[in-house]
C-alpha atoms as a PDB file:
ATOM      1  CA  UNK A   1      55.844 134.821 -19.352  1.00  0.00           C
ATOM      2  CA  UNK A   2      59.018 133.793 -19.174  1.00  0.00           C
ATOM      3  CA  UNK A   3      61.709 135.000 -16.718  1.00  0.00           C
ATOM      4  CA  UNK A   4      64.697 135.542 -17.739  1.00  0.00           C
ATOM      5  CA  UNK A   5      67.416 134.096 -15.079  1.00  0.00           C
ATOM      6  CA  UNK A   6      71.120 134.375 -15.549  1.00  0.00           C
ATOM      7  CA  UNK A   7      73.922 132.781 -13.557  1.00  0.00           C
ATOM      8  CA  UNK A   8      76.369 136.402 -12.595  1.00  0.00           C
ATOM      9  CA  UNK A   9      80.197 135.172 -13.089  1.00  0.00           C
ATOM     10  CA  UNK A  10      81.871 135.911 -15.685  1.00  0.00           C
ATOM     11  CA  UNK A  11      81.410 131.678 -17.573  1.00  0.00           C
ATOM     12  CA  UNK A  12      80.240 132.571 -21.004  1.00  0.00           C
ATOM     13  CA  UNK A  13      79.335 128.144 -20.869  1.00  0.00           C
ATOM     14  CA  UNK A  14      76.855 129.056 -18.259  1.00  0.00           C
ATOM     15  CA  UNK A  15      75.344 131.704 -19.833  1.00  0.00           C
ATOM     16  CA  UNK A  16      75.612 129.946 -23.137  1.00  0.00           C
ATOM     17  CA  UNK A  17      73.133 126.842 -20.965  1.00  0.00           C
ATOM     18  CA  UNK A  18      70.303 128.957 -20.471  1.00  0.00           C
ATOM     19  CA  UNK A  19      70.289 131.056 -23.791  1.00  0.00           C
ATOM     20  CA  UNK A  20      69.171 127.646 -24.550  1.00  0.00           C
ATOM     21  CA  UNK A  21      66.738 127.491 -22.389  1.00  0.00           C
ATOM     22  CA  UNK A  22      65.587 130.040 -22.445  1.00  0.00           C
ATOM     23  CA  UNK A  23      65.724 129.978 -26.660  1.00  0.00           C
ATOM     24  CA  UNK A  24      63.547 126.492 -25.977  1.00  0.00           C
ATOM     25  CA  UNK A  25      60.853 128.075 -23.880  1.00  0.00           C
ATOM     26  CA  UNK A  26      60.772 131.654 -26.137  1.00  0.00           C
ATOM     27  CA  UNK A  27      60.477 128.067 -29.362  1.00  0.00           C
ATOM     28  CA  UNK A  28      57.879 125.930 -27.565  1.00  0.00           C
ATOM     29  CA  UNK A  29      54.941 129.832 -26.620  1.00  0.00           C
ATOM     30  CA  UNK A  30      55.714 130.741 -30.478  1.00  0.00           C
ATOM     31  CA  UNK A  31      54.779 127.099 -31.196  1.00  0.00           C
ATOM     32  CA  UNK A  32      51.457 127.364 -28.922  1.00  0.00           C
ATOM     33  CA  UNK A  33      50.731 131.300 -30.411  1.00  0.00           C
ATOM     34  CA  UNK A  34      51.133 132.556 -27.127  1.00  0.00           C
ATOM     35  CA  UNK A  35      52.585 135.940 -26.376  1.00  0.00           C
ATOM     36  CA  UNK A  36      55.978 136.484 -25.622  1.00  0.00           C
ATOM     37  CA  UNK A  37      57.078 138.185 -23.379  1.00  0.00           C
ATOM     38  CA  UNK A  38      60.529 138.142 -21.970  1.00  0.00           C
ATOM     39  CA  UNK A  39      61.243 139.031 -18.128  1.00  0.00           C
ATOM     40  CA  UNK A  40      64.168 140.399 -17.829  1.00  0.00           C
ATOM     41  CA  UNK A  41      63.451 142.848 -14.530  1.00  0.00           C
ATOM     42  CA  UNK A  42      66.146 140.710 -12.077  1.00  0.00           C
ATOM     43  CA  UNK A  43      69.195 140.633 -14.566  1.00  0.00           C
ATOM     44  CA  UNK A  44      72.318 141.355 -12.858  1.00  0.00           C
ATOM     45  CA  UNK A  45      75.146 140.370 -15.967  1.00  0.00           C
ATOM     46  CA  UNK A  46      74.651 139.344 -19.405  1.00  0.00           C
ATOM     47  CA  UNK A  47      77.435 138.490 -21.444  1.00  0.00           C
ATOM     48  CA  UNK A  48      77.114 138.821 -24.976  1.00  0.00           C
ATOM     49  CA  UNK A  49      76.997 135.818 -26.443  1.00  0.00           C
ATOM     50  CA  UNK A  50      73.759 135.323 -24.712  1.00  0.00           C
ATOM     51  CA  UNK A  51      72.948 138.768 -26.068  1.00  0.00           C
ATOM     52  CA  UNK A  52      73.654 137.037 -29.325  1.00  0.00           C
ATOM     53  CA  UNK A  53      71.431 134.015 -28.538  1.00  0.00           C
ATOM     54  CA  UNK A  54      68.468 135.683 -27.655  1.00  0.00           C
ATOM     55  CA  UNK A  55      68.428 138.484 -29.946  1.00  0.00           C
ATOM     56  CA  UNK A  56      68.382 136.080 -32.880  1.00  0.00           C
ATOM     57  CA  UNK A  57      65.995 133.765 -31.383  1.00  0.00           C
ATOM     58  CA  UNK A  58      64.046 137.131 -30.857  1.00  0.00           C
ATOM     59  CA  UNK A  59      64.513 138.884 -34.825  1.00  0.00           C
ATOM     60  CA  UNK A  60      63.502 135.053 -36.151  1.00  0.00           C
ATOM     61  CA  UNK A  61      60.410 134.973 -34.619  1.00  0.00           C
ATOM     62  CA  UNK A  62      59.374 138.130 -35.370  1.00  0.00           C
ATOM     63  CA  UNK A  63      59.931 138.028 -38.336  1.00  0.00           C
ATOM     64  CA  UNK A  64      57.251 135.341 -38.537  1.00  0.00           C
ATOM     65  CA  UNK A  65      54.373 137.636 -36.812  1.00  0.00           C
ATOM     66  CA  UNK A  66      54.961 137.184 -33.601  1.00  0.00           C
ATOM     67  CA  UNK A  67      53.919 139.098 -30.435  1.00  0.00           C
ATOM     68  CA  UNK A  68      57.147 139.559 -27.852  1.00  0.00           C
ATOM     69  CA  UNK A  69      56.941 142.167 -25.014  1.00  0.00           C
ATOM     70  CA  UNK A  70      59.817 142.351 -22.832  1.00  0.00           C
ATOM     71  CA  UNK A  71      60.092 143.954 -18.963  1.00  0.00           C
ATOM     72  CA  UNK A  72      64.026 145.507 -19.236  1.00  0.00           C
ATOM     73  CA  UNK A  73      66.252 145.139 -16.388  1.00  0.00           C
ATOM     74  CA  UNK A  74      66.017 147.244 -12.736  1.00  0.00           C
ATOM     75  CA  UNK A  75      70.538 146.684 -12.636  1.00  0.00           C
ATOM     76  CA  UNK A  76      70.629 150.260 -14.713  1.00  0.00           C
ATOM     77  CA  UNK A  77      74.395 149.376 -15.863  1.00  0.00           C
ATOM     78  CA  UNK A  78      73.084 146.354 -17.772  1.00  0.00           C
ATOM     79  CA  UNK A  79      68.985 148.516 -18.865  1.00  0.00           C
ATOM     80  CA  UNK A  80      72.467 151.207 -20.189  1.00  0.00           C
ATOM     81  CA  UNK A  81      74.407 148.353 -22.074  1.00  0.00           C
ATOM     82  CA  UNK A  82      71.923 146.958 -23.325  1.00  0.00           C
ATOM     83  CA  UNK A  83      70.102 149.790 -24.942  1.00  0.00           C
ATOM     84  CA  UNK A  84      73.499 151.408 -25.989  1.00  0.00           C
ATOM     85  CA  UNK A  85      73.975 147.772 -27.719  1.00  0.00           C
ATOM     86  CA  UNK A  86      70.005 147.542 -29.262  1.00  0.00           C
ATOM     87  CA  UNK A  87      68.810 144.863 -27.507  1.00  0.00           C
ATOM     88  CA  UNK A  88      67.176 143.343 -28.977  1.00  0.00           C
ATOM     89  CA  UNK A  89      67.081 143.792 -32.265  1.00  0.00           C
ATOM     90  CA  UNK A  90      70.410 146.221 -33.051  1.00  0.00           C
ATOM     91  CA  UNK A  91      69.721 149.021 -34.865  1.00  0.00           C
ATOM     92  CA  UNK A  92      66.966 147.181 -36.954  1.00  0.00           C
ATOM     93  CA  UNK A  93      63.378 148.706 -36.203  1.00  0.00           C
ATOM     94  CA  UNK A  94      60.440 146.429 -35.610  1.00  0.00           C
ATOM     95  CA  UNK A  95      57.288 146.169 -33.425  1.00  0.00           C
ATOM     96  CA  UNK A  96      58.569 145.505 -29.499  1.00  0.00           C
ATOM     97  CA  UNK A  97      57.466 146.642 -26.428  1.00  0.00           C
ATOM     98  CA  UNK A  98      58.995 147.780 -23.170  1.00  0.00           C
ATOM     99  CA  UNK A  99      57.373 147.838 -20.434  1.00  0.00           C
ATOM    100  CA  UNK A 100      59.579 150.088 -18.282  1.00  0.00           C
END
């Protein structure tokens, strides 16, 4: 399971750095052909740039046949916002499991 820990401030550079580390962990799991499970339960704040980076990586590996699931944030505002924007794949329909 890949725990998503993000800083809570409005510093996009910090969240981009954190996103790149998460993407690296996703790549490692994909290369090992492991099931990719993202745990967003502790996320209290997420910037759009972070969502774009992580969503792009998920779309890429899903198109290559990855098995991906995620645990949504416990923070209702973040959970609703991510749902409103269609995280993680926008309006595209692909198999991705959310465990609520």
